Amino acid sequence: MGNEGKGTIFKRKDERYLLYLPVRVVDDSMFPLKCEGSMPVKVSFCPNDGKLVIEKWKEEET
């Protein structure tokens, strides 16, 4: 099962940040976000927990 792996976050020259997720994690059948190309996501964090949360973006959140 690939529910854990080492990812990377980095800053590009155009001042954007990218988050790399390992293929074996995203391709795992239990991975909650199914994506064929790109998809909008909601990113949030809680400073006290030190955790980053990535969720599928819901249209009503615009």
PDB file of N, CA and C in Angstrom:
ATOM      1  N   MET A   1       0.852  -1.174   0.000  1.00  0.00           N
ATOM      2  CA  MET A   1       0.000   0.000   0.000  1.00  0.00           C
ATOM      3  C   MET A   1       0.901   1.241   0.000  1.00  0.00           C
ATOM      4  N   GLY A   2       0.502   2.270  -0.769  1.00  0.00           N
ATOM      5  CA  GLY A   2       1.332   3.459  -0.898  1.00  0.00           C
ATOM      6  C   GLY A   2       0.712   4.677  -0.243  1.00  0.00           C
ATOM      7  N   ASN A   3       0.251   4.566   0.987  1.00  0.00           N
ATOM      8  CA  ASN A   3      -0.406   5.709   1.620  1.00  0.00           C
ATOM      9  C   ASN A   3       0.574   6.676   2.282  1.00  0.00           C
ATOM     10  N   GLU A   4       1.856   6.486   2.068  1.00  0.00           N
ATOM     11  CA  GLU A   4       2.857   7.374   2.650  1.00  0.00           C
ATOM     12  C   GLU A   4       4.055   7.434   1.731  1.00  0.00           C
ATOM     13  N   GLY A   5       4.632   8.610   1.587  1.00  0.00           N
ATOM     14  CA  GLY A   5       5.804   8.775   0.746  1.00  0.00           C
ATOM     15  C   GLY A   5       6.395  10.151   0.974  1.00  0.00           C
ATOM     16  N   LYS A   6       7.572  10.378   0.437  1.00  0.00           N
ATOM     17  CA  LYS A   6       8.244  11.658   0.609  1.00  0.00           C
ATOM     18  C   LYS A   6       7.879  12.583  -0.548  1.00  0.00           C
ATOM     19  N   GLY A   7       7.251  13.705  -0.232  1.00  0.00           N
ATOM     20  CA  GLY A   7       6.913  14.712  -1.223  1.00  0.00           C
ATOM     21  C   GLY A   7       7.862  15.892  -1.081  1.00  0.00           C
ATOM     22  N   THR A   8       7.696  16.879  -1.953  1.00  0.00           N
ATOM     23  CA  THR A   8       8.539  18.055  -1.931  1.00  0.00           C
ATOM     24  C   THR A   8       7.702  19.286  -2.251  1.00  0.00           C
ATOM     25  N   ILE A   9       7.952  20.377  -1.538  1.00  0.00           N
ATOM     26  CA  ILE A   9       7.355  21.656  -1.886  1.00  0.00           C
ATOM     27  C   ILE A   9       8.510  22.576  -2.257  1.00  0.00           C
ATOM     28  N   PHE A  10       8.357  23.285  -3.386  1.00  0.00           N
ATOM     29  CA  PHE A  10       9.433  24.167  -3.794  1.00  0.00           C
ATOM     30  C   PHE A  10       8.885  25.408  -4.490  1.00  0.00           C
ATOM     31  N   LYS A  11       9.706  26.449  -4.476  1.00  0.00           N
ATOM     32  CA  LYS A  11       9.333  27.734  -5.076  1.00  0.00           C
ATOM     33  C   LYS A  11       9.962  27.852  -6.455  1.00  0.00           C
ATOM     34  N   ARG A  12       9.117  28.198  -7.431  1.00  0.00           N
ATOM     35  CA  ARG A  12       9.603  28.386  -8.789  1.00  0.00           C
ATOM     36  C   ARG A  12      10.115  29.805  -8.980  1.00  0.00           C
ATOM     37  N   LYS A  13      10.773  30.044 -10.098  1.00  0.00           N
ATOM     38  CA  LYS A  13      11.302  31.373 -10.395  1.00  0.00           C
ATOM     39  C   LYS A  13      10.190  32.402 -10.571  1.00  0.00           C
ATOM     40  N   ASP A  14       8.982  31.961 -10.954  1.00  0.00           N
ATOM     41  CA  ASP A  14       7.865  32.898 -11.146  1.00  0.00           C
ATOM     42  C   ASP A  14       7.096  33.153  -9.848  1.00  0.00           C
ATOM     43  N   GLU A  15       7.714  32.819  -8.709  1.00  0.00           N
ATOM     44  CA  GLU A  15       7.153  33.070  -7.378  1.00  0.00           C
ATOM     45  C   GLU A  15       5.978  32.169  -7.000  1.00  0.00           C
ATOM     46  N   ARG A  16       5.732  31.116  -7.754  1.00  0.00           N
ATOM     47  CA  ARG A  16       4.690  30.153  -7.407  1.00  0.00           C
ATOM     48  C   ARG A  16       5.331  28.975  -6.678  1.00  0.00           C
ATOM     49  N   TYR A  17       4.509  28.304  -5.901  1.00  0.00           N
ATOM     50  CA  TYR A  17       4.974  27.118  -5.194  1.00  0.00           C
ATOM     51  C   TYR A  17       4.316  25.888  -5.802  1.00  0.00           C
ATOM     52  N   LEU A  18       5.051  24.818  -5.876  1.00  0.00           N
ATOM     53  CA  LEU A  18       4.534  23.544  -6.350  1.00  0.00           C
ATOM     54  C   LEU A  18       4.726  22.495  -5.266  1.00  0.00           C
ATOM     55  N   LEU A  19       3.768  21.610  -5.180  1.00  0.00           N
ATOM     56  CA  LEU A  19       3.838  20.507  -4.235  1.00  0.00           C
ATOM     57  C   LEU A  19       3.918  19.217  -5.039  1.00  0.00           C
ATOM     58  N   TYR A  20       4.997  18.487  -4.889  1.00  0.00           N
ATOM     59  CA  TYR A  20       5.178  17.215  -5.575  1.00  0.00           C
ATOM     60  C   TYR A  20       4.667  16.108  -4.670  1.00  0.00           C
ATOM     61  N   LEU A  21       3.775  15.291  -5.216  1.00  0.00           N
ATOM     62  CA  LEU A  21       3.274  14.118  -4.495  1.00  0.00           C
ATOM     63  C   LEU A  21       3.786  12.878  -5.214  1.00  0.00           C
ATOM     64  N   PRO A  22       4.331  11.923  -4.493  1.00  0.00           N
ATOM     65  CA  PRO A  22       4.856  10.723  -5.130  1.00  0.00           C
ATOM     66  C   PRO A  22       3.772   9.945  -5.884  1.00  0.00           C
ATOM     67  N   VAL A  23       4.123   9.434  -7.045  1.00  0.00           N
ATOM     68  CA  VAL A  23       3.194   8.691  -7.894  1.00  0.00           C
ATOM     69  C   VAL A  23       2.603   7.501  -7.153  1.00  0.00           C
ATOM     70  N   ARG A  24       3.401   6.787  -6.396  1.00  0.00           N
ATOM     71  CA  ARG A  24       2.885   5.585  -5.721  1.00  0.00           C
ATOM     72  C   ARG A  24       1.841   5.927  -4.657  1.00  0.00           C
ATOM     73  N   VAL A  25       1.880   7.164  -4.133  1.00  0.00           N
ATOM     74  CA  VAL A  25       0.862   7.592  -3.169  1.00  0.00           C
ATOM     75  C   VAL A  25      -0.426   7.951  -3.907  1.00  0.00           C
ATOM     76  N   VAL A  26      -0.317   8.778  -4.943  1.00  0.00           N
ATOM     77  CA  VAL A  26      -1.495   9.240  -5.686  1.00  0.00           C
ATOM     78  C   VAL A  26      -2.158   8.098  -6.451  1.00  0.00           C
ATOM     79  N   ASP A  27      -1.378   7.156  -6.961  1.00  0.00           N
ATOM     80  CA  ASP A  27      -1.938   6.032  -7.715  1.00  0.00           C
ATOM     81  C   ASP A  27      -2.495   4.922  -6.838  1.00  0.00           C
ATOM     82  N   ASP A  28      -2.324   5.022  -5.529  1.00  0.00           N
ATOM     83  CA  ASP A  28      -2.873   4.014  -4.624  1.00  0.00           C
ATOM     84  C   ASP A  28      -4.395   4.032  -4.719  1.00  0.00           C
ATOM     85  N   SER A  29      -5.008   2.875  -4.726  1.00  0.00           N
ATOM     86  CA  SER A  29      -6.466   2.782  -4.873  1.00  0.00           C
ATOM     87  C   SER A  29      -7.224   3.455  -3.727  1.00  0.00           C
ATOM     88  N   MET A  30      -6.579   3.662  -2.597  1.00  0.00           N
ATOM     89  CA  MET A  30      -7.230   4.291  -1.444  1.00  0.00           C
ATOM     90  C   MET A  30      -7.032   5.816  -1.412  1.00  0.00           C
ATOM     91  N   PHE A  31      -6.253   6.363  -2.348  1.00  0.00           N
ATOM     92  CA  PHE A  31      -6.029   7.815  -2.387  1.00  0.00           C
ATOM     93  C   PHE A  31      -7.362   8.508  -2.626  1.00  0.00           C
ATOM     94  N   PRO A  32      -7.733   9.488  -1.796  1.00  0.00           N
ATOM     95  CA  PRO A  32      -9.077  10.060  -1.847  1.00  0.00           C
ATOM     96  C   PRO A  32      -9.366  11.007  -3.012  1.00  0.00           C
ATOM     97  N   LEU A  33      -8.360  11.517  -3.697  1.00  0.00           N
ATOM     98  CA  LEU A  33      -8.589  12.451  -4.798  1.00  0.00           C
ATOM     99  C   LEU A  33      -8.268  11.769  -6.127  1.00  0.00           C
ATOM    100  N   LYS A  34      -9.271  11.574  -6.948  1.00  0.00           N
ATOM    101  CA  LYS A  34      -9.059  10.957  -8.261  1.00  0.00           C
ATOM    102  C   LYS A  34      -8.916  12.063  -9.293  1.00  0.00           C
ATOM    103  N   CYS A  35      -7.813  12.060 -10.025  1.00  0.00           N
ATOM    104  CA  CYS A  35      -7.493  13.154 -10.930  1.00  0.00           C
ATOM    105  C   CYS A  35      -6.858  12.605 -12.200  1.00  0.00           C
ATOM    106  N   GLU A  36      -7.389  13.011 -13.348  1.00  0.00           N
ATOM    107  CA  GLU A  36      -6.828  12.568 -14.631  1.00  0.00           C
ATOM    108  C   GLU A  36      -5.777  13.546 -15.170  1.00  0.00           C
ATOM    109  N   GLY A  37      -5.834  14.784 -14.761  1.00  0.00           N
ATOM    110  CA  GLY A  37      -4.888  15.796 -15.231  1.00  0.00           C
ATOM    111  C   GLY A  37      -4.603  16.773 -14.110  1.00  0.00           C
ATOM    112  N   SER A  38      -5.345  17.853 -14.099  1.00  0.00           N
ATOM    113  CA  SER A  38      -5.244  18.804 -12.998  1.00  0.00           C
ATOM    114  C   SER A  38      -6.640  19.017 -12.428  1.00  0.00           C
ATOM    115  N   MET A  39      -6.708  19.438 -11.188  1.00  0.00           N
ATOM    116  CA  MET A  39      -7.989  19.692 -10.548  1.00  0.00           C
ATOM    117  C   MET A  39      -7.808  20.745  -9.465  1.00  0.00           C
ATOM    118  N   PRO A  40      -8.825  21.578  -9.249  1.00  0.00           N
ATOM    119  CA  PRO A  40      -8.723  22.565  -8.173  1.00  0.00           C
ATOM    120  C   PRO A  40      -8.839  21.881  -6.814  1.00  0.00           C
ATOM    121  N   VAL A  41      -8.032  22.334  -5.877  1.00  0.00           N
ATOM    122  CA  VAL A  41      -8.051  21.780  -4.522  1.00  0.00           C
ATOM    123  C   VAL A  41      -8.064  22.909  -3.505  1.00  0.00           C
ATOM    124  N   LYS A  42      -8.561  22.621  -2.337  1.00  0.00           N
ATOM    125  CA  LYS A  42      -8.538  23.548  -1.211  1.00  0.00           C
ATOM    126  C   LYS A  42      -7.364  23.140  -0.325  1.00  0.00           C
ATOM    127  N   VAL A  43      -6.518  24.097   0.004  1.00  0.00           N
ATOM    128  CA  VAL A  43      -5.353  23.832   0.840  1.00  0.00           C
ATOM    129  C   VAL A  43      -5.503  24.641   2.126  1.00  0.00           C
ATOM    130  N   SER A  44      -5.364  23.979   3.253  1.00  0.00           N
ATOM    131  CA  SER A  44      -5.444  24.657   4.542  1.00  0.00           C
ATOM    132  C   SER A  44      -4.434  24.029   5.497  1.00  0.00           C
ATOM    133  N   PHE A  45      -4.184  24.726   6.591  1.00  0.00           N
ATOM    134  CA  PHE A  45      -3.260  24.182   7.584  1.00  0.00           C
ATOM    135  C   PHE A  45      -3.639  24.686   8.963  1.00  0.00           C
ATOM    136  N   CYS A  46      -3.192  23.966   9.953  1.00  0.00           N
ATOM    137  CA  CYS A  46      -3.370  24.362  11.342  1.00  0.00           C
ATOM    138  C   CYS A  46      -1.973  24.480  11.950  1.00  0.00           C
ATOM    139  N   PRO A  47      -1.559  25.688  12.282  1.00  0.00           N
ATOM    140  CA  PRO A  47      -0.198  25.871  12.798  1.00  0.00           C
ATOM    141  C   PRO A  47       0.105  25.035  14.044  1.00  0.00           C
ATOM    142  N   ASN A  48      -0.893  24.787  14.869  1.00  0.00           N
ATOM    143  CA  ASN A  48      -0.661  24.018  16.098  1.00  0.00           C
ATOM    144  C   ASN A  48      -0.374  22.550  15.831  1.00  0.00           C
ATOM    145  N   ASP A  49      -0.969  22.001  14.762  1.00  0.00           N
ATOM    146  CA  ASP A  49      -0.779  20.587  14.441  1.00  0.00           C
ATOM    147  C   ASP A  49       0.407  20.335  13.521  1.00  0.00           C
ATOM    148  N   GLY A  50       0.831  21.363  12.782  1.00  0.00           N
ATOM    149  CA  GLY A  50       1.908  21.173  11.814  1.00  0.00           C
ATOM    150  C   GLY A  50       1.487  20.305  10.645  1.00  0.00           C
ATOM    151  N   LYS A  51       0.174  20.325  10.311  1.00  0.00           N
ATOM    152  CA  LYS A  51      -0.341  19.493   9.227  1.00  0.00           C
ATOM    153  C   LYS A  51      -0.914  20.354   8.116  1.00  0.00           C
ATOM    154  N   LEU A  52      -0.734  19.885   6.893  1.00  0.00           N
ATOM    155  CA  LEU A  52      -1.292  20.504   5.704  1.00  0.00           C
ATOM    156  C   LEU A  52      -2.449  19.634   5.243  1.00  0.00           C
ATOM    157  N   VAL A  53      -3.599  20.254   4.936  1.00  0.00           N
ATOM    158  CA  VAL A  53      -4.780  19.509   4.508  1.00  0.00           C
ATOM    159  C   VAL A  53      -5.093  19.893   3.072  1.00  0.00           C
ATOM    160  N   ILE A  54      -5.244  18.902   2.206  1.00  0.00           N
ATOM    161  CA  ILE A  54      -5.595  19.122   0.807  1.00  0.00           C
ATOM    162  C   ILE A  54      -6.905  18.403   0.545  1.00  0.00           C
ATOM    163  N   GLU A  55      -7.914  19.171   0.088  1.00  0.00           N
ATOM    164  CA  GLU A  55      -9.240  18.619  -0.168  1.00  0.00           C
ATOM    165  C   GLU A  55      -9.684  18.987  -1.575  1.00  0.00           C
ATOM    166  N   LYS A  56     -10.573  18.202  -2.138  1.00  0.00           N
ATOM    167  CA  LYS A  56     -11.152  18.532  -3.430  1.00  0.00           C
ATOM    168  C   LYS A  56     -11.951  19.827  -3.283  1.00  0.00           C
ATOM    169  N   TRP A  57     -11.766  20.762  -4.228  1.00  0.00           N
ATOM    170  CA  TRP A  57     -12.465  22.038  -4.193  1.00  0.00           C
ATOM    171  C   TRP A  57     -13.917  21.829  -4.582  1.00  0.00           C
ATOM    172  N   LYS A  58     -14.809  22.392  -3.793  1.00  0.00           N
ATOM    173  CA  LYS A  58     -16.239  22.316  -4.083  1.00  0.00           C
ATOM    174  C   LYS A  58     -16.647  23.633  -4.717  1.00  0.00           C
ATOM    175  N   GLU A  59     -17.439  23.608  -5.784  1.00  0.00           N
ATOM    176  CA  GLU A  59     -17.838  24.803  -6.518  1.00  0.00           C
ATOM    177  C   GLU A  59     -18.448  25.876  -5.631  1.00  0.00           C
ATOM    178  N   GLU A  60     -19.217  25.488  -4.620  1.00  0.00           N
ATOM    179  CA  GLU A  60     -19.850  26.475  -3.765  1.00  0.00           C
ATOM    180  C   GLU A  60     -18.862  27.248  -2.898  1.00  0.00           C
ATOM    181  N   GLU A  61     -17.579  26.853  -2.901  1.00  0.00           N
ATOM    182  CA  GLU A  61     -16.552  27.533  -2.106  1.00  0.00           C
ATOM    183  C   GLU A  61     -15.968  28.731  -2.832  1.00  0.00           C
ATOM    184  N   THR A  62     -16.351  28.987  -4.078  1.00  0.00           N
ATOM    185  CA  THR A  62     -15.791  30.108  -4.832  1.00  0.00           C
ATOM    186  C   THR A  62     -16.299  31.342  -4.278  1.00  0.00           C
TER     187      THR A  62
END
